[in-house]
Amino acid sequence: MKIRIYIDGYNLFYGRLKHKEDSSINSRRRKFRWLDPKKLVEQFLHDDYEIDQINFYTTDIDALYMGDKSPSRQQEYYRALMTIENINIIKGRFSKNPAMMPVYPINLITNQDGSTAIQKQLVLKTEEKRSDVNIAAHLVRDACLNRFDMAVLVSNDSDLLEPIKILHELNKKFLILSPHEKYCYDFVKELNTKCMRKIQEKHIIAAQFPDEIKDAANTLIAKRPLKWS
């Protein structure tokens, strides 16, 4: 069976490698960011498969402050990813703009004229652009061109519901691997949950790159960042 894999990098990151209010949990999850996505997905596949291609959708990050090493860690991770056979790193972009947003929890303030308003504060609003559209377009294109027997989607993004429904209409097999603790409501409502699996911490732990990745000549290609150790 020919498998093609579509990985929503930021959905994976925020669902399973970060995105917890408990700082101790985030600190623990940081150790698992040296993740081999091929090893991760293979844990959910049967023996009779051939991975034709892995598409990893992500966006380059910028330093948010002087001395921020996040971009260099991301570049090191890219070097590790590129050691995987048949992988494509497909990049979108970040939009960063200052915006007035409501504080949380919601707080009402009284204006000088006696009227009330929601208290807001200026924040730097960041949005990842293009990745969900790229995934949707590539899923449908590859299905129509018969490039896979089964698609594996690593995401829990409800924006991808429509292309998944199109796969179903085309009689294409698919498997959704959710990095989040709960499946998104739209997936549960519209799809058969038999085609969904949850990525758990044990799967992440079992899918780590070696701390040092070397080529056949023993030349160092990539090394786990110290902060992820």
C-alpha atoms as a PDB file:
ATOM      1  CA  MET A   1       0.000   0.000   0.000  1.00  0.00           C
ATOM      2  CA  LYS A   2       1.404   3.364  -1.043  1.00  0.00           C
ATOM      3  CA  ILE A   3       1.214   5.915   1.773  1.00  0.00           C
ATOM      4  CA  ARG A   4       1.602   9.675   1.487  1.00  0.00           C
ATOM      5  CA  ILE A   5       1.958  11.647   4.720  1.00  0.00           C
ATOM      6  CA  TYR A   6       0.856  15.247   5.340  1.00  0.00           C
ATOM      7  CA  ILE A   7       2.091  16.774   8.596  1.00  0.00           C
ATOM      8  CA  ASP A   8       0.753  20.055   9.946  1.00  0.00           C
ATOM      9  CA  GLY A   9       3.921  21.055  11.807  1.00  0.00           C
ATOM     10  CA  TYR A  10       2.439  23.753  14.015  1.00  0.00           C
ATOM     11  CA  ASN A  11      -0.678  21.773  14.866  1.00  0.00           C
ATOM     12  CA  LEU A  12       1.632  18.959  15.947  1.00  0.00           C
ATOM     13  CA  PHE A  13       3.816  21.379  17.900  1.00  0.00           C
ATOM     14  CA  TYR A  14       1.025  23.112  19.796  1.00  0.00           C
ATOM     15  CA  GLY A  15      -0.958  19.929  20.325  1.00  0.00           C
ATOM     16  CA  ARG A  16       1.717  17.600  21.628  1.00  0.00           C
ATOM     17  CA  LEU A  17       5.031  19.471  22.061  1.00  0.00           C
ATOM     18  CA  LYS A  18       3.899  22.694  23.733  1.00  0.00           C
ATOM     19  CA  HIS A  19       0.585  24.457  24.388  1.00  0.00           C
ATOM     20  CA  LYS A  20       0.065  23.706  28.059  1.00  0.00           C
ATOM     21  CA  GLU A  21      -0.449  26.368  30.699  1.00  0.00           C
ATOM     22  CA  ASP A  22       1.495  24.262  33.188  1.00  0.00           C
ATOM     23  CA  SER A  23       5.132  25.351  32.654  1.00  0.00           C
ATOM     24  CA  SER A  24       6.435  22.052  34.034  1.00  0.00           C
ATOM     25  CA  ILE A  25       4.556  20.176  31.293  1.00  0.00           C
ATOM     26  CA  ASN A  26       5.971  22.494  28.622  1.00  0.00           C
ATOM     27  CA  SER A  27       9.469  21.982  30.022  1.00  0.00           C
ATOM     28  CA  ARG A  28       9.025  18.208  29.789  1.00  0.00           C
ATOM     29  CA  ARG A  29       7.596  18.406  26.290  1.00  0.00           C
ATOM     30  CA  ARG A  30      10.564  20.471  25.119  1.00  0.00           C
ATOM     31  CA  LYS A  31      12.694  17.320  25.416  1.00  0.00           C
ATOM     32  CA  PHE A  32      10.583  15.594  22.780  1.00  0.00           C
ATOM     33  CA  ARG A  33      10.875  18.212  20.036  1.00  0.00           C
ATOM     34  CA  TRP A  34      13.741  16.314  18.385  1.00  0.00           C
ATOM     35  CA  LEU A  35      11.007  14.310  16.714  1.00  0.00           C
ATOM     36  CA  ASP A  36      11.353  11.957  13.766  1.00  0.00           C
ATOM     37  CA  PRO A  37       7.937  12.267  12.049  1.00  0.00           C
ATOM     38  CA  LYS A  38       8.459   9.128   9.972  1.00  0.00           C
ATOM     39  CA  LYS A  39       9.017   7.012  13.090  1.00  0.00           C
ATOM     40  CA  LEU A  40       5.982   8.671  14.638  1.00  0.00           C
ATOM     41  CA  VAL A  41       3.609   7.773  11.810  1.00  0.00           C
ATOM     42  CA  GLU A  42       5.022   4.272  11.330  1.00  0.00           C
ATOM     43  CA  GLN A  43       3.732   3.326  14.777  1.00  0.00           C
ATOM     44  CA  PHE A  44       0.184   3.573  13.395  1.00  0.00           C
ATOM     45  CA  LEU A  45       0.737   1.651  10.133  1.00  0.00           C
ATOM     46  CA  HIS A  46       0.483  -2.043   9.310  1.00  0.00           C
ATOM     47  CA  ASP A  47       3.384  -3.999   7.817  1.00  0.00           C
ATOM     48  CA  ASP A  48       2.286  -3.868   4.181  1.00  0.00           C
ATOM     49  CA  TYR A  49       3.008  -0.210   3.430  1.00  0.00           C
ATOM     50  CA  GLU A  50       5.397   1.898   1.411  1.00  0.00           C
ATOM     51  CA  ILE A  51       5.847   5.550   2.372  1.00  0.00           C
ATOM     52  CA  ASP A  52       5.949   7.330  -0.951  1.00  0.00           C
ATOM     53  CA  GLN A  53       6.397  10.865   0.356  1.00  0.00           C
ATOM     54  CA  ILE A  54       6.290  12.908   3.561  1.00  0.00           C
ATOM     55  CA  ASN A  55       5.157  16.525   3.343  1.00  0.00           C
ATOM     56  CA  PHE A  56       6.047  18.561   6.425  1.00  0.00           C
ATOM     57  CA  TYR A  57       4.256  21.922   6.500  1.00  0.00           C
ATOM     58  CA  THR A  58       5.794  24.622   8.645  1.00  0.00           C
ATOM     59  CA  THR A  59       6.914  28.251   8.740  1.00  0.00           C
ATOM     60  CA  ASP A  60      10.254  29.839   9.557  1.00  0.00           C
ATOM     61  CA  ILE A  61      10.184  31.669  12.875  1.00  0.00           C
ATOM     62  CA  ASP A  62      11.901  34.963  13.681  1.00  0.00           C
ATOM     63  CA  ALA A  63      13.711  35.931  16.855  1.00  0.00           C
ATOM     64  CA  LEU A  64      11.336  37.818  19.143  1.00  0.00           C
ATOM     65  CA  TYR A  65      14.083  39.327  21.320  1.00  0.00           C
ATOM     66  CA  MET A  66      17.847  39.791  21.418  1.00  0.00           C
ATOM     67  CA  GLY A  67      19.497  36.433  21.979  1.00  0.00           C
ATOM     68  CA  ASP A  68      16.436  34.360  21.053  1.00  0.00           C
ATOM     69  CA  LYS A  69      17.834  31.025  19.831  1.00  0.00           C
ATOM     70  CA  SER A  70      14.520  29.613  18.595  1.00  0.00           C
ATOM     71  CA  PRO A  71      15.297  30.226  14.890  1.00  0.00           C
ATOM     72  CA  SER A  72      18.672  28.445  15.112  1.00  0.00           C
ATOM     73  CA  ARG A  73      17.060  25.469  16.872  1.00  0.00           C
ATOM     74  CA  GLN A  74      14.461  25.314  14.124  1.00  0.00           C
ATOM     75  CA  GLN A  75      17.173  25.316  11.435  1.00  0.00           C
ATOM     76  CA  GLU A  76      18.959  22.489  13.250  1.00  0.00           C
ATOM     77  CA  TYR A  77      15.700  20.550  13.246  1.00  0.00           C
ATOM     78  CA  TYR A  78      15.311  21.140   9.513  1.00  0.00           C
ATOM     79  CA  ARG A  79      18.738  19.548   8.993  1.00  0.00           C
ATOM     80  CA  ALA A  80      17.562  16.512  10.937  1.00  0.00           C
ATOM     81  CA  LEU A  81      14.339  16.307   8.931  1.00  0.00           C
ATOM     82  CA  MET A  82      16.227  16.380   5.645  1.00  0.00           C
ATOM     83  CA  THR A  83      17.963  13.118   6.551  1.00  0.00           C
ATOM     84  CA  ILE A  84      14.593  11.356   6.082  1.00  0.00           C
ATOM     85  CA  GLU A  85      14.108   9.824   2.661  1.00  0.00           C
ATOM     86  CA  ASN A  86      11.421  11.371   0.438  1.00  0.00           C
ATOM     87  CA  ILE A  87      10.598  14.277   2.731  1.00  0.00           C
ATOM     88  CA  ASN A  88       9.537  17.733   1.553  1.00  0.00           C
ATOM     89  CA  ILE A  89       9.562  20.750   3.874  1.00  0.00           C
ATOM     90  CA  ILE A  90       6.844  23.086   2.619  1.00  0.00           C
ATOM     91  CA  LYS A  91       6.901  26.546   4.154  1.00  0.00           C
ATOM     92  CA  GLY A  92       4.237  29.159   4.670  1.00  0.00           C
ATOM     93  CA  ARG A  93       4.880  32.452   6.388  1.00  0.00           C
ATOM     94  CA  PHE A  94       4.139  34.282   9.621  1.00  0.00           C
ATOM     95  CA  SER A  95       2.109  37.463   9.778  1.00  0.00           C
ATOM     96  CA  LYS A  96       3.021  39.651  12.754  1.00  0.00           C
ATOM     97  CA  ASN A  97       1.047  42.770  13.569  1.00  0.00           C
ATOM     98  CA  PRO A  98       0.316  44.786  16.719  1.00  0.00           C
ATOM     99  CA  ALA A  99      -3.362  44.587  17.619  1.00  0.00           C
ATOM    100  CA  MET A 100      -5.657  45.713  20.418  1.00  0.00           C
ATOM    101  CA  MET A 101      -7.128  42.567  21.944  1.00  0.00           C
ATOM    102  CA  PRO A 102      -9.451  41.941  24.920  1.00  0.00           C
ATOM    103  CA  VAL A 103      -7.676  40.977  28.139  1.00  0.00           C
ATOM    104  CA  TYR A 104      -8.510  37.602  29.651  1.00  0.00           C
ATOM    105  CA  PRO A 105     -10.594  37.100  31.683  1.00  0.00           C
ATOM    106  CA  ILE A 106     -12.949  39.639  30.123  1.00  0.00           C
ATOM    107  CA  ASN A 107     -13.080  42.843  32.162  1.00  0.00           C
ATOM    108  CA  LEU A 108     -15.479  45.750  31.669  1.00  0.00           C
ATOM    109  CA  ILE A 109     -14.252  49.307  32.235  1.00  0.00           C
ATOM    110  CA  THR A 110     -16.211  52.549  32.570  1.00  0.00           C
ATOM    111  CA  ASN A 111     -15.394  55.340  30.134  1.00  0.00           C
ATOM    112  CA  GLN A 112     -15.394  59.016  31.061  1.00  0.00           C
ATOM    113  CA  ASP A 113     -18.821  59.451  29.501  1.00  0.00           C
ATOM    114  CA  GLY A 114     -20.240  56.690  31.700  1.00  0.00           C
ATOM    115  CA  SER A 115     -20.427  54.043  28.987  1.00  0.00           C
ATOM    116  CA  THR A 116     -18.856  50.629  29.441  1.00  0.00           C
ATOM    117  CA  ALA A 117     -16.367  48.844  27.207  1.00  0.00           C
ATOM    118  CA  ILE A 118     -14.283  45.710  27.189  1.00  0.00           C
ATOM    119  CA  GLN A 119     -10.767  46.350  28.469  1.00  0.00           C
ATOM    120  CA  LYS A 120      -8.143  45.779  25.786  1.00  0.00           C
ATOM    121  CA  GLN A 121      -4.383  45.832  25.554  1.00  0.00           C
ATOM    122  CA  LEU A 122      -1.866  46.057  22.740  1.00  0.00           C
ATOM    123  CA  VAL A 123      -0.350  42.685  21.799  1.00  0.00           C
ATOM    124  CA  LEU A 124       1.783  41.294  19.011  1.00  0.00           C
ATOM    125  CA  LYS A 125      -0.615  39.084  17.053  1.00  0.00           C
ATOM    126  CA  THR A 126       1.048  36.313  15.053  1.00  0.00           C
ATOM    127  CA  GLU A 127      -0.677  34.119  12.503  1.00  0.00           C
ATOM    128  CA  GLU A 128       0.679  31.309  10.389  1.00  0.00           C
ATOM    129  CA  LYS A 129      -0.357  31.739   6.773  1.00  0.00           C
ATOM    130  CA  ARG A 130      -0.743  29.275   3.878  1.00  0.00           C
ATOM    131  CA  SER A 131      -0.062  25.932   5.589  1.00  0.00           C
ATOM    132  CA  ASP A 132      -3.686  24.801   5.897  1.00  0.00           C
ATOM    133  CA  VAL A 133      -4.406  25.880   2.315  1.00  0.00           C
ATOM    134  CA  ASN A 134      -1.260  24.111   1.082  1.00  0.00           C
ATOM    135  CA  ILE A 135      -2.228  20.892   2.871  1.00  0.00           C
ATOM    136  CA  ALA A 136      -5.783  21.025   1.525  1.00  0.00           C
ATOM    137  CA  ALA A 137      -4.653  21.700  -2.040  1.00  0.00           C
ATOM    138  CA  HIS A 138      -1.995  18.975  -2.015  1.00  0.00           C
ATOM    139  CA  LEU A 139      -4.347  16.395  -0.495  1.00  0.00           C
ATOM    140  CA  VAL A 140      -6.970  16.906  -3.177  1.00  0.00           C
ATOM    141  CA  ARG A 141      -4.438  17.170  -6.025  1.00  0.00           C
ATOM    142  CA  ASP A 142      -2.608  13.992  -5.031  1.00  0.00           C
ATOM    143  CA  ALA A 143      -5.875  12.099  -4.608  1.00  0.00           C
ATOM    144  CA  CYS A 144      -7.124  13.163  -8.043  1.00  0.00           C
ATOM    145  CA  LEU A 145      -3.806  12.171  -9.612  1.00  0.00           C
ATOM    146  CA  ASN A 146      -3.902   8.820  -7.813  1.00  0.00           C
ATOM    147  CA  ARG A 147      -0.566   9.391  -6.089  1.00  0.00           C
ATOM    148  CA  PHE A 148      -1.403   7.346  -2.998  1.00  0.00           C
ATOM    149  CA  ASP A 149      -3.489   4.446  -1.776  1.00  0.00           C
ATOM    150  CA  MET A 150      -3.903   6.037   1.636  1.00  0.00           C
ATOM    151  CA  ALA A 151      -3.246   9.531   2.970  1.00  0.00           C
ATOM    152  CA  VAL A 152      -2.087  10.039   6.540  1.00  0.00           C
ATOM    153  CA  LEU A 153      -2.861  13.477   7.944  1.00  0.00           C
ATOM    154  CA  VAL A 154      -1.178  14.602  11.155  1.00  0.00           C
ATOM    155  CA  SER A 155      -3.443  17.419  12.292  1.00  0.00           C
ATOM    156  CA  ASN A 156      -6.543  18.243  14.291  1.00  0.00           C
ATOM    157  CA  ASP A 157      -7.412  21.369  12.309  1.00  0.00           C
ATOM    158  CA  SER A 158     -11.098  21.605  11.412  1.00  0.00           C
ATOM    159  CA  ASP A 159     -10.174  23.762   8.385  1.00  0.00           C
ATOM    160  CA  LEU A 160      -9.092  20.497   6.744  1.00  0.00           C
ATOM    161  CA  LEU A 161     -12.497  18.855   7.061  1.00  0.00           C
ATOM    162  CA  GLU A 162     -13.620  19.669   3.503  1.00  0.00           C
ATOM    163  CA  PRO A 163     -10.585  18.192   1.685  1.00  0.00           C
ATOM    164  CA  ILE A 164     -10.900  15.085   3.875  1.00  0.00           C
ATOM    165  CA  LYS A 165     -14.556  14.755   2.841  1.00  0.00           C
ATOM    166  CA  ILE A 166     -13.425  15.043  -0.781  1.00  0.00           C
ATOM    167  CA  LEU A 167     -11.022  12.133  -0.221  1.00  0.00           C
ATOM    168  CA  HIS A 168     -13.982  10.129   1.023  1.00  0.00           C
ATOM    169  CA  GLU A 169     -16.003  11.046  -2.076  1.00  0.00           C
ATOM    170  CA  LEU A 170     -13.082   9.864  -4.222  1.00  0.00           C
ATOM    171  CA  ASN A 171     -13.043   6.545  -2.328  1.00  0.00           C
ATOM    172  CA  LYS A 172      -9.552   7.241  -1.032  1.00  0.00           C
ATOM    173  CA  LYS A 173      -8.445   5.742   2.254  1.00  0.00           C
ATOM    174  CA  PHE A 174      -7.188   8.144   4.893  1.00  0.00           C
ATOM    175  CA  LEU A 175      -5.990   8.120   8.484  1.00  0.00           C
ATOM    176  CA  ILE A 176      -6.076  11.165  10.750  1.00  0.00           C
ATOM    177  CA  LEU A 177      -3.510  11.299  13.560  1.00  0.00           C
ATOM    178  CA  SER A 178      -4.530  13.926  16.088  1.00  0.00           C
ATOM    179  CA  PRO A 179      -1.794  15.516  18.223  1.00  0.00           C
ATOM    180  CA  HIS A 180      -4.439  16.932  20.575  1.00  0.00           C
ATOM    181  CA  GLU A 181      -6.039  15.259  23.556  1.00  0.00           C
ATOM    182  CA  LYS A 182      -9.512  15.677  22.053  1.00  0.00           C
ATOM    183  CA  TYR A 183     -10.562  15.281  18.439  1.00  0.00           C
ATOM    184  CA  CYS A 184     -11.900  18.499  16.958  1.00  0.00           C
ATOM    185  CA  TYR A 185     -15.680  18.708  17.080  1.00  0.00           C
ATOM    186  CA  ASP A 186     -16.122  18.894  13.297  1.00  0.00           C
ATOM    187  CA  PHE A 187     -14.114  15.722  12.713  1.00  0.00           C
ATOM    188  CA  VAL A 188     -16.177  13.785  15.238  1.00  0.00           C
ATOM    189  CA  LYS A 189     -19.425  15.148  13.858  1.00  0.00           C
ATOM    190  CA  GLU A 190     -18.690  14.583  10.152  1.00  0.00           C
ATOM    191  CA  LEU A 191     -16.268  11.637   9.985  1.00  0.00           C
ATOM    192  CA  ASN A 192     -16.101   8.041  11.106  1.00  0.00           C
ATOM    193  CA  THR A 193     -13.880   7.973  14.186  1.00  0.00           C
ATOM    194  CA  LYS A 194     -12.517   4.598  13.025  1.00  0.00           C
ATOM    195  CA  CYS A 195     -10.247   6.593  10.688  1.00  0.00           C
ATOM    196  CA  MET A 196      -8.819   8.627  13.593  1.00  0.00           C
ATOM    197  CA  ARG A 197      -6.103   7.938  16.137  1.00  0.00           C
ATOM    198  CA  LYS A 198      -4.650  10.018  18.952  1.00  0.00           C
ATOM    199  CA  ILE A 199      -0.935  10.682  19.164  1.00  0.00           C
ATOM    200  CA  GLN A 200       0.056  10.107  22.773  1.00  0.00           C
ATOM    201  CA  GLU A 201       3.211  10.935  24.664  1.00  0.00           C
ATOM    202  CA  LYS A 202       4.409   7.336  24.370  1.00  0.00           C
ATOM    203  CA  HIS A 203       4.360   7.671  20.564  1.00  0.00           C
ATOM    204  CA  ILE A 204       6.395  10.876  20.746  1.00  0.00           C
ATOM    205  CA  ILE A 205       8.967   9.316  23.082  1.00  0.00           C
ATOM    206  CA  ALA A 206       9.378   6.318  20.775  1.00  0.00           C
ATOM    207  CA  ALA A 207       9.971   8.540  17.733  1.00  0.00           C
ATOM    208  CA  GLN A 208      13.024  10.592  18.665  1.00  0.00           C
ATOM    209  CA  PHE A 209      15.996  11.188  16.371  1.00  0.00           C
ATOM    210  CA  PRO A 210      19.399  10.093  17.713  1.00  0.00           C
ATOM    211  CA  ASP A 211      21.008  12.932  19.677  1.00  0.00           C
ATOM    212  CA  GLU A 212      23.610  13.169  16.917  1.00  0.00           C
ATOM    213  CA  ILE A 213      22.838  12.370  13.284  1.00  0.00           C
ATOM    214  CA  LYS A 214      25.850  11.493  11.134  1.00  0.00           C
ATOM    215  CA  ASP A 215      26.290  10.469   7.516  1.00  0.00           C
ATOM    216  CA  ALA A 216      28.078   7.380   6.181  1.00  0.00           C
ATOM    217  CA  ALA A 217      31.423   9.185   6.486  1.00  0.00           C
ATOM    218  CA  ASN A 218      30.717   9.898  10.187  1.00  0.00           C
ATOM    219  CA  THR A 219      30.277  13.608   9.502  1.00  0.00           C
ATOM    220  CA  LEU A 220      27.891  15.348  11.877  1.00  0.00           C
ATOM    221  CA  ILE A 221      24.738  16.512  10.084  1.00  0.00           C
ATOM    222  CA  ALA A 222      22.510  17.593  12.968  1.00  0.00           C
ATOM    223  CA  LYS A 223      22.589  17.576  16.755  1.00  0.00           C
ATOM    224  CA  ARG A 224      19.812  17.837  19.317  1.00  0.00           C
ATOM    225  CA  PRO A 225      19.775  21.428  20.658  1.00  0.00           C
ATOM    226  CA  LEU A 226      20.910  21.704  24.267  1.00  0.00           C
ATOM    227  CA  LYS A 227      17.590  23.210  25.366  1.00  0.00           C
ATOM    228  CA  TRP A 228      15.803  20.121  24.024  1.00  0.00           C
ATOM    229  CA  SER A 229      18.016  17.710  25.998  1.00  0.00           C
END
